[in-house]
C-alpha atoms as a PDB file:
ATOM      1  CA  MET A   1      50.411 198.064   5.339  1.00  0.00           C
ATOM      2  CA  THR A   2      53.618 199.344   6.986  1.00  0.00           C
ATOM      3  CA  ASP A   3      53.591 202.353   9.518  1.00  0.00           C
ATOM      4  CA  THR A   4      56.097 204.069   7.368  1.00  0.00           C
ATOM      5  CA  GLU A   5      54.255 205.095   4.108  1.00  0.00           C
ATOM      6  CA  PRO A   6      56.788 205.290   1.049  1.00  0.00           C
ATOM      7  CA  VAL A   7      57.669 208.409   0.508  1.00  0.00           C
ATOM      8  CA  LEU A   8      57.983 209.783  -2.730  1.00  0.00           C
ATOM      9  CA  HIS A   9      61.202 212.184  -3.850  1.00  0.00           C
ATOM     10  CA  GLN A  10      61.130 214.281  -6.927  1.00  0.00           C
ATOM     11  CA  VAL A  11      58.287 212.926  -8.787  1.00  0.00           C
ATOM     12  CA  SER A  12      54.672 212.577  -9.088  1.00  0.00           C
ATOM     13  CA  PHE A  13      52.216 210.106  -9.577  1.00  0.00           C
ATOM     14  CA  GLU A  14      50.684 209.704 -13.054  1.00  0.00           C
ATOM     15  CA  ARG A  15      47.636 210.834 -13.806  1.00  0.00           C
ATOM     16  CA  ALA A  16      47.639 211.889 -17.320  1.00  0.00           C
ATOM     17  CA  GLU A  17      48.547 209.457 -20.606  1.00  0.00           C
ATOM     18  CA  PRO A  18      52.674 210.561 -21.287  1.00  0.00           C
ATOM     19  CA  GLU A  19      54.116 211.031 -24.533  1.00  0.00           C
ATOM     20  CA  VAL A  20      54.155 208.049 -26.002  1.00  0.00           C
ATOM     21  CA  ALA A  21      57.250 206.916 -27.366  1.00  0.00           C
ATOM     22  CA  SER A  22      58.042 205.775 -31.501  1.00  0.00           C
ATOM     23  CA  ASP A  23      58.548 201.873 -30.286  1.00  0.00           C
ATOM     24  CA  THR A  24      55.410 201.187 -28.289  1.00  0.00           C
ATOM     25  CA  ASP A  25      53.594 199.457 -30.000  1.00  0.00           C
ATOM     26  CA  LEU A  26      56.110 196.912 -30.901  1.00  0.00           C
ATOM     27  CA  LEU A  27      57.004 196.390 -27.488  1.00  0.00           C
ATOM     28  CA  GLU A  28      53.079 196.268 -26.435  1.00  0.00           C
ATOM     29  CA  HIS A  29      52.335 193.473 -28.484  1.00  0.00           C
ATOM     30  CA  ILE A  30      55.797 192.141 -27.620  1.00  0.00           C
ATOM     31  CA  LEU A  31      55.302 191.955 -23.659  1.00  0.00           C
ATOM     32  CA  GLY A  32      51.623 190.940 -24.296  1.00  0.00           C
ATOM     33  CA  THR A  33      52.818 188.172 -26.162  1.00  0.00           C
ATOM     34  CA  GLN A  34      55.045 186.663 -23.394  1.00  0.00           C
ATOM     35  CA  ASP A  35      51.836 188.015 -20.666  1.00  0.00           C
ATOM     36  CA  ARG A  36      50.052 184.654 -22.608  1.00  0.00           C
ATOM     37  CA  MET A  37      53.045 181.901 -22.614  1.00  0.00           C
ATOM     38  CA  PRO A  38      52.587 179.414 -20.007  1.00  0.00           C
ATOM     39  CA  GLY A  39      56.405 179.517 -19.049  1.00  0.00           C
ATOM     40  CA  VAL A  40      55.837 183.077 -18.067  1.00  0.00           C
ATOM     41  CA  ARG A  41      52.545 182.869 -16.498  1.00  0.00           C
ATOM     42  CA  ARG A  42      53.873 179.560 -14.287  1.00  0.00           C
ATOM     43  CA  ILE A  43      56.527 181.743 -13.186  1.00  0.00           C
ATOM     44  CA  ARG A  44      54.466 184.591 -12.137  1.00  0.00           C
ATOM     45  CA  ASP A  45      52.238 182.256 -10.129  1.00  0.00           C
ATOM     46  CA  TRP A  46      55.227 181.134  -8.146  1.00  0.00           C
ATOM     47  CA  ALA A  47      56.284 184.403  -7.260  1.00  0.00           C
ATOM     48  CA  ARG A  48      53.218 185.763  -5.791  1.00  0.00           C
ATOM     49  CA  ALA A  49      52.860 182.639  -3.798  1.00  0.00           C
ATOM     50  CA  GLU A  50      55.968 183.052  -2.613  1.00  0.00           C
ATOM     51  CA  LEU A  51      55.546 187.287  -1.608  1.00  0.00           C
ATOM     52  CA  SER A  52      52.832 185.996   1.159  1.00  0.00           C
ATOM     53  CA  ILE A  53      51.427 189.555   0.232  1.00  0.00           C
ATOM     54  CA  ARG A  54      48.506 190.125   2.605  1.00  0.00           C
ATOM     55  CA  PRO A  55      45.752 192.881   2.407  1.00  0.00           C
ATOM     56  CA  GLY A  56      46.706 196.185   3.700  1.00  0.00           C
ATOM     57  CA  GLN A  57      50.410 195.838   2.401  1.00  0.00           C
ATOM     58  CA  THR A  58      52.537 197.678   0.099  1.00  0.00           C
ATOM     59  CA  VAL A  59      53.914 196.091  -2.867  1.00  0.00           C
ATOM     60  CA  VAL A  60      55.950 197.737  -5.524  1.00  0.00           C
ATOM     61  CA  ASP A  61      57.115 195.828  -9.230  1.00  0.00           C
ATOM     62  CA  VAL A  62      59.611 197.613 -10.577  1.00  0.00           C
ATOM     63  CA  GLY A  63      59.232 197.666 -14.370  1.00  0.00           C
ATOM     64  CA  CYS A  64      55.472 197.481 -14.600  1.00  0.00           C
ATOM     65  CA  GLY A  65      55.467 197.186 -18.152  1.00  0.00           C
ATOM     66  CA  LEU A  66      51.828 197.267 -19.063  1.00  0.00           C
ATOM     67  CA  GLY A  67      50.641 196.732 -15.628  1.00  0.00           C
ATOM     68  CA  THR A  68      49.533 193.079 -16.081  1.00  0.00           C
ATOM     69  CA  GLU A  69      51.525 191.709 -13.117  1.00  0.00           C
ATOM     70  CA  LEU A  70      50.829 195.118 -11.081  1.00  0.00           C
ATOM     71  CA  LEU A  71      46.742 194.620 -11.058  1.00  0.00           C
ATOM     72  CA  GLU A  72      47.109 190.835  -9.956  1.00  0.00           C
ATOM     73  CA  LEU A  73      49.414 192.478  -7.080  1.00  0.00           C
ATOM     74  CA  ALA A  74      46.758 195.386  -6.056  1.00  0.00           C
ATOM     75  CA  ASP A  75      44.265 192.418  -6.246  1.00  0.00           C
ATOM     76  CA  LEU A  76      46.202 190.951  -3.336  1.00  0.00           C
ATOM     77  CA  VAL A  77      46.422 194.127  -1.262  1.00  0.00           C
ATOM     78  CA  GLY A  78      43.092 195.110  -1.169  1.00  0.00           C
ATOM     79  CA  ALA A  79      41.499 198.136  -1.046  1.00  0.00           C
ATOM     80  CA  HIS A  80      43.549 199.555   1.649  1.00  0.00           C
ATOM     81  CA  GLY A  81      47.074 198.572   0.522  1.00  0.00           C
ATOM     82  CA  MET A  82      48.911 200.228  -1.969  1.00  0.00           C
ATOM     83  CA  ALA A  83      50.457 198.929  -5.351  1.00  0.00           C
ATOM     84  CA  TYR A  84      53.548 200.595  -6.700  1.00  0.00           C
ATOM     85  CA  GLY A  85      54.319 200.665 -10.368  1.00  0.00           C
ATOM     86  CA  ILE A  86      57.858 201.848 -11.544  1.00  0.00           C
ATOM     87  CA  GLU A  87      58.143 202.382 -15.101  1.00  0.00           C
ATOM     88  CA  PRO A  88      60.560 204.376 -17.120  1.00  0.00           C
ATOM     89  CA  HIS A  89      59.123 203.919 -20.313  1.00  0.00           C
ATOM     90  CA  PRO A  90      56.663 206.715 -20.991  1.00  0.00           C
ATOM     91  CA  GLY A  91      54.159 204.427 -23.505  1.00  0.00           C
ATOM     92  CA  LEU A  92      54.161 201.473 -21.163  1.00  0.00           C
ATOM     93  CA  ARG A  93      53.840 203.622 -18.269  1.00  0.00           C
ATOM     94  CA  GLY A  94      50.658 205.191 -20.679  1.00  0.00           C
ATOM     95  CA  HIS A  95      49.151 201.734 -20.943  1.00  0.00           C
ATOM     96  CA  ALA A  96      49.470 200.540 -17.568  1.00  0.00           C
ATOM     97  CA  LEU A  97      47.898 204.039 -16.581  1.00  0.00           C
ATOM     98  CA  ARG A  98      45.026 203.437 -19.158  1.00  0.00           C
ATOM     99  CA  ARG A  99      44.714 199.514 -17.451  1.00  0.00           C
ATOM    100  CA  ALA A 100      44.765 200.791 -13.650  1.00  0.00           C
ATOM    101  CA  ALA A 101      42.200 202.872 -14.192  1.00  0.00           C
ATOM    102  CA  GLY A 102      39.622 203.347 -10.965  1.00  0.00           C
ATOM    103  CA  ARG A 103      42.070 201.194  -9.132  1.00  0.00           C
ATOM    104  CA  GLU A 104      42.787 204.033  -6.200  1.00  0.00           C
ATOM    105  CA  GLN A 105      45.226 201.637  -4.721  1.00  0.00           C
ATOM    106  CA  VAL A 106      47.644 201.578  -7.548  1.00  0.00           C
ATOM    107  CA  ARG A 107      50.216 204.173  -8.435  1.00  0.00           C
ATOM    108  CA  ILE A 108      52.587 204.336 -11.005  1.00  0.00           C
ATOM    109  CA  ILE A 109      55.515 206.100 -10.934  1.00  0.00           C
ATOM    110  CA  ASP A 110      58.314 207.083 -13.632  1.00  0.00           C
ATOM    111  CA  GLY A 111      61.355 205.905 -11.704  1.00  0.00           C
ATOM    112  CA  ASP A 112      64.929 203.969 -11.925  1.00  0.00           C
ATOM    113  CA  ALA A 113      65.525 200.654 -10.779  1.00  0.00           C
ATOM    114  CA  GLY A 114      69.002 202.223  -8.957  1.00  0.00           C
ATOM    115  CA  ALA A 115      67.155 205.240  -7.717  1.00  0.00           C
ATOM    116  CA  LEU A 116      63.830 204.347  -6.473  1.00  0.00           C
ATOM    117  CA  PRO A 117      61.689 207.412  -5.238  1.00  0.00           C
ATOM    118  CA  LEU A 118      60.538 205.609  -2.455  1.00  0.00           C
ATOM    119  CA  ALA A 119      61.384 205.965   1.523  1.00  0.00           C
ATOM    120  CA  ALA A 120      63.290 203.103   3.435  1.00  0.00           C
ATOM    121  CA  GLY A 121      61.944 200.701   5.529  1.00  0.00           C
ATOM    122  CA  SER A 122      58.534 201.331   3.477  1.00  0.00           C
ATOM    123  CA  VAL A 123      57.603 198.228   1.816  1.00  0.00           C
ATOM    124  CA  ASP A 124      56.360 194.823   2.232  1.00  0.00           C
ATOM    125  CA  ALA A 125      57.524 193.148  -0.925  1.00  0.00           C
ATOM    126  CA  VAL A 126      58.898 194.276  -4.402  1.00  0.00           C
ATOM    127  CA  THR A 127      58.732 192.167  -7.457  1.00  0.00           C
ATOM    128  CA  CYS A 128      61.105 192.778 -10.628  1.00  0.00           C
ATOM    129  CA  GLU A 129      60.462 190.637 -13.648  1.00  0.00           C
ATOM    130  CA  ARG A 130      63.213 190.988 -16.901  1.00  0.00           C
ATOM    131  CA  VAL A 131      64.679 194.470 -15.688  1.00  0.00           C
ATOM    132  CA  PHE A 132      68.182 192.843 -14.365  1.00  0.00           C
ATOM    133  CA  GLN A 133      68.698 192.243 -18.021  1.00  0.00           C
ATOM    134  CA  HIS A 134      68.835 195.593 -19.040  1.00  0.00           C
ATOM    135  CA  LEU A 135      70.582 197.430 -16.606  1.00  0.00           C
ATOM    136  CA  HIS A 136      74.207 198.738 -16.500  1.00  0.00           C
ATOM    137  CA  ASP A 137      74.399 198.453 -12.472  1.00  0.00           C
ATOM    138  CA  PRO A 138      72.258 195.548 -11.347  1.00  0.00           C
ATOM    139  CA  GLN A 139      73.546 195.416  -8.066  1.00  0.00           C
ATOM    140  CA  ALA A 140      72.616 199.423  -7.355  1.00  0.00           C
ATOM    141  CA  ALA A 141      68.898 198.105  -7.751  1.00  0.00           C
ATOM    142  CA  ALA A 142      69.256 195.016  -5.857  1.00  0.00           C
ATOM    143  CA  ASP A 143      70.564 197.447  -3.280  1.00  0.00           C
ATOM    144  CA  GLU A 144      68.009 199.635  -3.518  1.00  0.00           C
ATOM    145  CA  PHE A 145      65.525 196.811  -2.901  1.00  0.00           C
ATOM    146  CA  ALA A 146      66.774 196.049   0.150  1.00  0.00           C
ATOM    147  CA  ARG A 147      66.586 199.735   0.986  1.00  0.00           C
ATOM    148  CA  ILE A 148      63.012 199.819   0.702  1.00  0.00           C
ATOM    149  CA  LEU A 149      62.069 196.791   2.329  1.00  0.00           C
ATOM    150  CA  THR A 150      60.490 196.797   5.820  1.00  0.00           C
ATOM    151  CA  PRO A 151      62.625 194.180   8.008  1.00  0.00           C
ATOM    152  CA  GLY A 152      61.066 191.045   7.270  1.00  0.00           C
ATOM    153  CA  GLY A 153      60.380 191.947   3.765  1.00  0.00           C
ATOM    154  CA  ARG A 154      60.050 189.859   0.722  1.00  0.00           C
ATOM    155  CA  VAL A 155      61.756 190.199  -2.957  1.00  0.00           C
ATOM    156  CA  VAL A 156      61.572 188.176  -5.860  1.00  0.00           C
ATOM    157  CA  LEU A 157      63.659 188.601  -8.898  1.00  0.00           C
ATOM    158  CA  ILE A 158      62.678 186.852 -12.191  1.00  0.00           C
ATOM    159  CA  ASP A 159      65.222 187.267 -14.939  1.00  0.00           C
ATOM    160  CA  THR A 160      66.663 185.606 -18.394  1.00  0.00           C
ATOM    161  CA  ASP A 161      69.580 184.053 -19.315  1.00  0.00           C
ATOM    162  CA  TRP A 162      70.049 184.853 -22.471  1.00  0.00           C
ATOM    163  CA  GLU A 163      73.024 181.996 -23.046  1.00  0.00           C
ATOM    164  CA  THR A 164      70.244 179.576 -22.203  1.00  0.00           C
ATOM    165  CA  PHE A 165      68.302 180.542 -25.631  1.00  0.00           C
ATOM    166  CA  VAL A 166      68.225 178.051 -28.459  1.00  0.00           C
ATOM    167  CA  VAL A 167      66.612 177.997 -31.642  1.00  0.00           C
ATOM    168  CA  SER A 168      66.106 174.829 -33.714  1.00  0.00           C
ATOM    169  CA  VAL A 169      66.481 176.111 -37.214  1.00  0.00           C
ATOM    170  CA  GLY A 170      69.162 177.878 -39.737  1.00  0.00           C
ATOM    171  CA  ARG A 171      72.769 177.357 -40.429  1.00  0.00           C
ATOM    172  CA  PRO A 172      74.225 177.090 -37.105  1.00  0.00           C
ATOM    173  CA  GLY A 173      77.243 179.743 -37.709  1.00  0.00           C
ATOM    174  CA  VAL A 174      74.535 181.881 -38.605  1.00  0.00           C
ATOM    175  CA  VAL A 175      72.146 181.213 -35.766  1.00  0.00           C
ATOM    176  CA  ALA A 176      75.333 181.778 -33.147  1.00  0.00           C
ATOM    177  CA  ARG A 177      76.382 184.797 -34.838  1.00  0.00           C
ATOM    178  CA  ALA A 178      73.414 186.357 -34.809  1.00  0.00           C
ATOM    179  CA  ILE A 179      72.307 185.615 -30.633  1.00  0.00           C
ATOM    180  CA  ALA A 180      76.111 186.770 -29.527  1.00  0.00           C
ATOM    181  CA  ALA A 181      75.291 189.552 -31.499  1.00  0.00           C
ATOM    182  CA  PHE A 182      72.407 190.253 -29.452  1.00  0.00           C
ATOM    183  CA  ARG A 183      73.662 189.321 -26.467  1.00  0.00           C
ATOM    184  CA  ARG A 184      76.274 192.427 -26.847  1.00  0.00           C
ATOM    185  CA  ARG A 185      73.543 194.482 -27.200  1.00  0.00           C
ATOM    186  CA  LEU A 186      72.093 193.657 -24.054  1.00  0.00           C
ATOM    187  CA  PRO A 187      74.034 195.339 -20.807  1.00  0.00           C
ATOM    188  CA  ASN A 188      73.721 192.359 -18.695  1.00  0.00           C
ATOM    189  CA  PRO A 189      72.698 189.178 -20.760  1.00  0.00           C
ATOM    190  CA  ARG A 190      73.572 186.693 -18.350  1.00  0.00           C
ATOM    191  CA  ALA A 191      71.889 188.110 -15.649  1.00  0.00           C
ATOM    192  CA  GLY A 192      69.687 185.361 -14.469  1.00  0.00           C
ATOM    193  CA  ARG A 193      72.814 183.617 -13.050  1.00  0.00           C
ATOM    194  CA  LEU A 194      73.522 186.544 -10.805  1.00  0.00           C
ATOM    195  CA  LEU A 195      70.319 187.026  -9.289  1.00  0.00           C
ATOM    196  CA  ARG A 196      71.169 185.709  -5.883  1.00  0.00           C
ATOM    197  CA  CYS A 197      74.659 186.209  -5.645  1.00  0.00           C
ATOM    198  CA  GLN A 198      73.671 190.705  -6.052  1.00  0.00           C
ATOM    199  CA  LEU A 199      70.864 190.099  -3.744  1.00  0.00           C
ATOM    200  CA  ALA A 200      73.387 188.395  -1.004  1.00  0.00           C
ATOM    201  CA  ARG A 201      75.474 191.511  -1.668  1.00  0.00           C
ATOM    202  CA  ALA A 202      72.835 193.645  -0.674  1.00  0.00           C
ATOM    203  CA  GLY A 203      72.714 192.079   2.328  1.00  0.00           C
ATOM    204  CA  LEU A 204      68.979 189.932   2.280  1.00  0.00           C
ATOM    205  CA  LEU A 205      68.685 186.627   3.480  1.00  0.00           C
ATOM    206  CA  VAL A 206      68.575 184.716  -0.140  1.00  0.00           C
ATOM    207  CA  ASP A 207      66.129 181.426  -0.594  1.00  0.00           C
ATOM    208  CA  PRO A 208      68.047 178.540  -1.803  1.00  0.00           C
ATOM    209  CA  ASP A 209      65.655 177.079  -4.139  1.00  0.00           C
ATOM    210  CA  VAL A 210      66.155 178.581  -7.385  1.00  0.00           C
ATOM    211  CA  VAL A 211      62.973 178.554  -9.436  1.00  0.00           C
ATOM    212  CA  GLY A 212      63.775 178.290 -13.352  1.00  0.00           C
ATOM    213  CA  THR A 213      61.021 177.966 -16.124  1.00  0.00           C
ATOM    214  CA  LEU A 214      61.445 177.174 -19.973  1.00  0.00           C
ATOM    215  CA  ILE A 215      59.849 180.155 -22.190  1.00  0.00           C
ATOM    216  CA  VAL A 216      59.255 178.588 -25.304  1.00  0.00           C
ATOM    217  CA  TRP A 217      57.417 180.844 -28.421  1.00  0.00           C
ATOM    218  CA  SER A 218      54.500 179.369 -29.622  1.00  0.00           C
ATOM    219  CA  ASP A 219      54.043 179.086 -33.489  1.00  0.00           C
ATOM    220  CA  GLU A 220      51.967 182.182 -33.352  1.00  0.00           C
ATOM    221  CA  ALA A 221      54.844 184.234 -31.646  1.00  0.00           C
ATOM    222  CA  LEU A 222      57.196 182.934 -34.310  1.00  0.00           C
ATOM    223  CA  ARG A 223      55.271 183.312 -37.357  1.00  0.00           C
ATOM    224  CA  ALA A 224      54.940 187.136 -36.226  1.00  0.00           C
ATOM    225  CA  MET A 225      58.526 187.521 -35.911  1.00  0.00           C
ATOM    226  CA  GLU A 226      58.832 191.371 -35.184  1.00  0.00           C
ATOM    227  CA  LEU A 227      61.133 190.922 -32.343  1.00  0.00           C
ATOM    228  CA  LEU A 228      62.979 188.407 -34.482  1.00  0.00           C
ATOM    229  CA  ARG A 229      62.456 190.966 -37.535  1.00  0.00           C
ATOM    230  CA  VAL A 230      64.025 193.760 -35.796  1.00  0.00           C
ATOM    231  CA  GLN A 231      66.939 191.946 -34.383  1.00  0.00           C
ATOM    232  CA  LEU A 232      68.081 190.723 -37.724  1.00  0.00           C
ATOM    233  CA  GLU A 233      68.337 194.249 -38.914  1.00  0.00           C
ATOM    234  CA  MET A 234      70.343 195.289 -35.987  1.00  0.00           C
ATOM    235  CA  ALA A 235      72.522 191.869 -36.962  1.00  0.00           C
ATOM    236  CA  ILE A 236      72.368 193.874 -40.702  1.00  0.00           C
ATOM    237  CA  ALA A 237      73.709 196.986 -39.452  1.00  0.00           C
ATOM    238  CA  ASP A 238      76.507 196.198 -37.697  1.00  0.00           C
ATOM    239  CA  GLY A 239      77.708 193.550 -39.877  1.00  0.00           C
ATOM    240  CA  THR A 240      77.032 190.700 -38.392  1.00  0.00           C
ATOM    241  CA  LEU A 241      75.142 189.036 -40.591  1.00  0.00           C
ATOM    242  CA  THR A 242      74.497 189.751 -44.155  1.00  0.00           C
ATOM    243  CA  ARG A 243      70.884 190.248 -46.135  1.00  0.00           C
ATOM    244  CA  ASP A 244      71.272 187.224 -47.849  1.00  0.00           C
ATOM    245  CA  GLU A 245      71.668 185.212 -44.025  1.00  0.00           C
ATOM    246  CA  ALA A 246      68.745 186.995 -42.422  1.00  0.00           C
ATOM    247  CA  ASP A 247      66.278 186.717 -45.169  1.00  0.00           C
ATOM    248  CA  ASP A 248      67.518 183.050 -45.378  1.00  0.00           C
ATOM    249  CA  PHE A 249      67.382 182.681 -41.734  1.00  0.00           C
ATOM    250  CA  GLU A 250      63.850 184.243 -41.958  1.00  0.00           C
ATOM    251  CA  SER A 251      62.322 181.758 -44.902  1.00  0.00           C
ATOM    252  CA  GLU A 252      63.619 178.792 -42.880  1.00  0.00           C
ATOM    253  CA  LEU A 253      62.023 179.385 -39.935  1.00  0.00           C
ATOM    254  CA  ILE A 254      58.675 180.157 -41.308  1.00  0.00           C
ATOM    255  CA  ARG A 255      58.785 176.795 -42.922  1.00  0.00           C
ATOM    256  CA  ALA A 256      59.619 175.504 -40.031  1.00  0.00           C
ATOM    257  CA  VAL A 257      56.714 176.907 -38.542  1.00  0.00           C
ATOM    258  CA  ASP A 258      54.598 176.166 -41.033  1.00  0.00           C
ATOM    259  CA  ALA A 259      55.539 172.400 -40.728  1.00  0.00           C
ATOM    260  CA  GLY A 260      54.955 172.942 -37.069  1.00  0.00           C
ATOM    261  CA  GLU A 261      58.837 171.708 -37.177  1.00  0.00           C
ATOM    262  CA  ALA A 262      60.318 174.672 -34.881  1.00  0.00           C
ATOM    263  CA  PHE A 263      61.420 175.448 -31.582  1.00  0.00           C
ATOM    264  CA  CYS A 264      62.758 178.666 -30.182  1.00  0.00           C
ATOM    265  CA  SER A 265      62.972 178.689 -26.088  1.00  0.00           C
ATOM    266  CA  VAL A 266      64.916 180.842 -23.292  1.00  0.00           C
ATOM    267  CA  THR A 267      65.301 180.084 -19.666  1.00  0.00           C
ATOM    268  CA  MET A 268      63.940 182.363 -17.033  1.00  0.00           C
ATOM    269  CA  TYR A 269      65.034 182.297 -12.993  1.00  0.00           C
ATOM    270  CA  GLY A 270      62.934 183.253  -9.735  1.00  0.00           C
ATOM    271  CA  VAL A 271      65.122 183.731  -6.869  1.00  0.00           C
ATOM    272  CA  LEU A 272      63.385 184.628  -3.639  1.00  0.00           C
ATOM    273  CA  ALA A 273      65.388 186.491  -0.465  1.00  0.00           C
ATOM    274  CA  ARG A 274      64.179 188.145   2.708  1.00  0.00           C
ATOM    275  CA  LYS A 275      65.270 191.149   4.793  1.00  0.00           C
ATOM    276  CA  PRO A 276      66.114 190.068   8.145  1.00  0.00           C
ATOM    277  CA  GLY A 277      64.572 191.605  10.795  1.00  0.00           C
END
């Protein structure tokens, strides 16, 4: 662990189950499905290897969600290290808290990626997966990661570029409109391609080897369709699709899944950087 213990500003560690937001069940299902995707597991394995975490160190998982990766990091730092999870969503934070029960080296905090409640130079490693696509000011988050890292500390950012999203079914015009509408609803839909420059602007030394992984939805995930149905309903509500267009697309996707012909994927990128010193 670093000599400077992280300092928490205007926030306390979560110890009791927080209020659960109405969308928590859907988010838990989506994130749990993504946790099991081979592409997600591959890029997380790469991230842990590149962070070179040692027992006794302090690590932070920004946007820890269900706490899946946070607990992996806690295993690496051991009983004498600290693993902090930052998660602003109260329902997901509650889920992570339940999973981390009894793990004394784990702390889960309500916080914002652009204003972390941690002292400068107090963290050995930072990981952040699929958070930047949701940020209006991702550069502020990159700057914060650089601020809290100790000299020589490492950060791995992993995020999606939604312009790489492909689906094998549906009328091309309908699919193009639906995907474009989805991208418009994200503050930073091309996050993956921007990670390197944002880390460099934060004053970090960026590794030239960018890692990419293809996230492919399983037939099980496509058949469940919870996230897709939410997006289709939004597209209907904002006038992007008609009800008939959305229903036809859903029916075609189910038919393709049942026939073993469906394919849906997107590319995630991983970037490693170090703080000079």
